[in-house]
Amino acid sequence: KDFLRYNINEIFEGKQFAIIGNFPYNISTQIVFRALEYRNQIPEFAGMFQKEVAVRVAQKPGSKEYGIISVLLQTFYDIHYCFTVDEHVFIPPPKVKSGVIRCVRNERDALPCDEKLYFHVVKMAFNQRRKTLRNSLRQLLKDHPLPPKFESQRPEKLSVDDFIELTCLIEQWTAEANAQE
């Protein structure tokens, strides 16, 4: 069945399950985001991805590969890059190397901020990754100055905890603005 369209609860009825597989490279990031939706039922998943995707998922702040999928998945999972699989071990050989990763659910059950806003902040920040946060998040910040910690930062420098802190600030500012109206 198509994992992206399949009703997960039809099989697992709210019970926990693990995902293990050799994910189709053309939809692997979609599979990761789908797993993220069911994170409370998926304590662990592991699989083979195109190497570039596996590296991106496991990357830490400060790297140019660190991005949206890194931050969002690492918010709820500890990621372990296991090993690289060379293309010549397959018949016929693909044109790319593969990477195996293991994702284990971390202790973060919920965010101290609105989850939709958090996802929006992360995506908005990385959609213009060469810009500083002040510029890429201008729409959300309105006239509020960023704390010095974030003032001249680019998104790839921020940790998951930094993104959570930033989202909490934006949420607070939005609530204050709405209360004044």
Protein backbone atom coordinates (compact mmCIF):
# COMPACT_ATOMS: atom_id res chain seq x y z
CA LYS A 1 0.00 0.00 0.00
CA ASP A 2 0.99 3.64 -0.39
CA PHE A 3 2.36 4.72 3.00
CA LEU A 4 1.69 8.35 2.21
CA ARG A 5 -2.02 7.75 1.66
CA TYR A 6 -2.66 4.79 3.90
CA ASN A 7 -4.72 5.18 7.07
CA ILE A 8 -2.14 4.15 9.68
CA ASN A 9 -4.76 3.72 12.41
CA GLU A 10 -6.57 1.16 10.27
CA ILE A 11 -3.69 -1.25 10.93
CA PHE A 12 -2.23 -0.14 14.24
CA GLU A 13 -5.34 1.24 15.99
CA GLY A 14 -3.30 3.78 17.97
CA LYS A 15 -0.64 1.26 19.03
CA GLN A 16 3.06 1.91 18.69
CA PHE A 17 5.00 0.59 15.70
CA ALA A 18 8.41 0.99 14.11
CA ILE A 19 9.20 1.75 10.50
CA ILE A 20 12.14 0.04 8.87
CA GLY A 21 12.81 0.08 5.17
CA ASN A 22 14.64 0.95 2.03
CA PHE A 23 12.65 4.06 1.24
CA PRO A 24 11.98 5.09 -2.36
CA TYR A 25 14.37 7.99 -2.85
CA ASN A 26 11.86 10.14 -4.71
CA ILE A 27 9.43 10.24 -1.74
CA SER A 28 11.74 9.62 1.22
CA THR A 29 11.37 13.10 2.72
CA GLN A 30 7.59 12.83 2.44
CA ILE A 31 7.80 9.52 4.34
CA VAL A 32 9.87 11.23 7.05
CA PHE A 33 7.29 14.01 7.43
CA ARG A 34 4.49 11.44 7.56
CA ALA A 35 6.35 9.56 10.29
CA LEU A 36 6.70 12.85 12.14
CA GLU A 37 2.90 13.23 12.09
CA TYR A 38 2.62 9.85 13.87
CA ARG A 39 5.61 10.39 16.18
CA ASN A 40 3.64 9.45 19.29
CA GLN A 41 3.07 6.01 17.78
CA ILE A 42 6.52 5.63 16.20
CA PRO A 43 9.21 5.34 18.88
CA GLU A 44 11.80 4.46 16.26
CA PHE A 45 12.35 4.31 12.54
CA ALA A 46 15.32 3.35 10.47
CA GLY A 47 16.00 3.09 6.82
CA MET A 48 18.09 3.60 3.77
CA PHE A 49 17.81 6.94 2.02
CA GLN A 50 19.70 8.68 -0.73
CA LYS A 51 22.91 9.67 1.05
CA GLU A 52 22.34 13.41 0.68
CA VAL A 53 18.95 13.11 2.41
CA ALA A 54 20.32 10.90 5.20
CA VAL A 55 23.17 13.36 5.81
CA ARG A 56 20.75 16.30 5.81
CA VAL A 57 18.45 14.63 8.33
CA ALA A 58 21.33 13.83 10.71
CA GLN A 59 23.21 17.13 10.33
CA LYS A 60 23.81 19.40 13.32
CA PRO A 61 23.61 23.22 13.46
CA GLY A 62 26.36 25.10 11.69
CA SER A 63 26.48 22.91 8.61
CA LYS A 64 25.25 23.98 5.19
CA GLU A 65 23.30 20.68 4.96
CA TYR A 66 21.39 21.51 8.18
CA GLY A 67 17.89 22.60 7.20
CA ILE A 68 14.14 22.27 7.64
CA ILE A 69 14.07 18.48 7.78
CA SER A 70 17.04 18.43 10.21
CA VAL A 71 15.39 20.80 12.67
CA LEU A 72 11.88 19.37 12.51
CA LEU A 73 12.93 15.74 12.84
CA GLN A 74 15.53 16.46 15.52
CA THR A 75 12.85 18.26 17.51
CA PHE A 76 11.29 14.90 18.33
CA TYR A 77 13.94 12.29 17.42
CA ASP A 78 17.60 11.60 18.12
CA ILE A 79 19.17 10.87 14.74
CA HIS A 80 22.05 8.49 14.19
CA TYR A 81 23.78 8.28 10.81
CA CYS A 82 24.74 4.58 10.74
CA PHE A 83 26.71 4.05 7.53
CA THR A 84 27.03 4.73 3.82
CA VAL A 85 26.14 2.14 1.18
CA ASP A 86 28.08 2.37 -2.09
CA GLU A 87 26.15 2.20 -5.34
CA HIS A 88 28.16 -0.77 -6.66
CA VAL A 89 26.52 -3.19 -4.16
CA PHE A 90 23.23 -2.93 -6.07
CA ILE A 91 22.31 -4.51 -9.40
CA PRO A 92 21.76 -2.45 -11.43
CA PRO A 93 23.78 0.19 -9.56
CA PRO A 94 21.98 3.48 -8.93
CA LYS A 95 23.71 6.75 -9.75
CA VAL A 96 23.88 7.76 -6.08
CA LYS A 97 25.23 6.50 -2.78
CA SER A 98 22.84 5.57 0.02
CA GLY A 99 22.91 6.30 3.73
CA VAL A 100 21.29 4.42 6.59
CA ILE A 101 19.91 6.37 9.51
CA ARG A 102 18.19 5.43 12.75
CA CYS A 103 15.77 7.80 14.45
CA VAL A 104 14.83 7.19 18.08
CA ARG A 105 12.11 9.20 19.79
CA ASN A 106 13.56 11.67 22.28
CA GLU A 107 12.03 12.90 25.53
CA ARG A 108 10.23 15.91 24.04
CA ASP A 109 6.52 15.12 24.22
CA ALA A 110 5.23 18.58 23.39
CA LEU A 111 6.51 22.02 22.54
CA PRO A 112 6.10 24.99 24.89
CA CYS A 113 4.78 26.93 21.89
CA ASP A 114 2.21 26.39 19.18
CA GLU A 115 3.45 23.51 17.01
CA LYS A 116 2.03 24.88 13.76
CA LEU A 117 3.72 28.20 14.38
CA TYR A 118 6.99 26.41 15.20
CA PHE A 119 6.89 24.49 11.89
CA HIS A 120 6.04 27.76 10.10
CA VAL A 121 8.94 29.65 11.73
CA VAL A 122 11.44 26.90 10.82
CA LYS A 123 10.22 26.68 7.23
CA MET A 124 10.10 30.45 6.78
CA ALA A 125 13.61 30.87 8.18
CA PHE A 126 15.11 28.27 5.85
CA ASN A 127 13.14 29.31 2.77
CA GLN A 128 15.51 32.27 2.64
CA ARG A 129 18.47 30.61 4.32
CA ARG A 130 21.07 33.07 3.05
CA LYS A 131 19.29 35.93 4.80
CA THR A 132 19.58 36.72 8.47
CA LEU A 133 16.63 35.77 10.67
CA ARG A 134 15.69 39.43 10.97
CA ASN A 135 15.06 39.54 7.21
CA SER A 136 13.69 36.06 6.59
CA LEU A 137 11.19 36.33 9.48
CA ARG A 138 10.30 39.99 8.91
CA GLN A 139 6.61 39.18 8.31
CA LEU A 140 6.30 37.43 11.65
CA LEU A 141 8.46 39.84 13.65
CA LYS A 142 6.53 42.95 12.61
CA ASP A 143 8.33 45.77 14.47
CA HIS A 144 9.74 43.67 17.29
CA PRO A 145 13.51 43.65 17.63
CA LEU A 146 15.15 40.26 17.86
CA PRO A 147 17.18 39.57 20.99
CA PRO A 148 20.93 40.05 20.38
CA LYS A 149 21.36 36.27 20.43
CA PHE A 150 19.37 36.02 17.18
CA GLU A 151 19.93 39.45 15.66
CA SER A 152 22.45 38.61 12.94
CA GLN A 153 22.11 34.83 12.86
CA ARG A 154 21.28 32.73 9.83
CA PRO A 155 18.93 29.77 10.34
CA GLU A 156 21.59 27.07 9.95
CA LYS A 157 23.29 28.37 13.12
CA LEU A 158 20.25 27.82 15.37
CA SER A 159 19.70 24.67 17.41
CA VAL A 160 16.29 23.08 17.90
CA ASP A 161 16.12 24.76 21.33
CA ASP A 162 16.92 28.13 19.71
CA PHE A 163 14.07 27.69 17.23
CA ILE A 164 11.72 26.80 20.08
CA GLU A 165 12.82 29.89 22.03
CA LEU A 166 12.38 32.10 18.96
CA THR A 167 8.91 30.67 18.27
CA CYS A 168 7.88 31.29 21.90
CA LEU A 169 8.91 34.95 21.51
CA ILE A 170 6.99 35.34 18.25
CA GLU A 171 3.95 33.66 19.81
CA GLN A 172 4.13 36.02 22.80
CA TRP A 173 4.39 39.08 20.54
CA THR A 174 1.44 37.88 18.46
CA ALA A 175 -0.67 37.31 21.58
CA GLU A 176 0.19 40.80 22.88
CA ALA A 177 -0.69 42.38 19.54
CA ASN A 178 -4.00 40.51 19.41
CA ALA A 179 -4.85 41.59 22.99
CA GLN A 180 -4.33 45.25 22.05
CA GLU A 181 -6.75 45.06 19.12
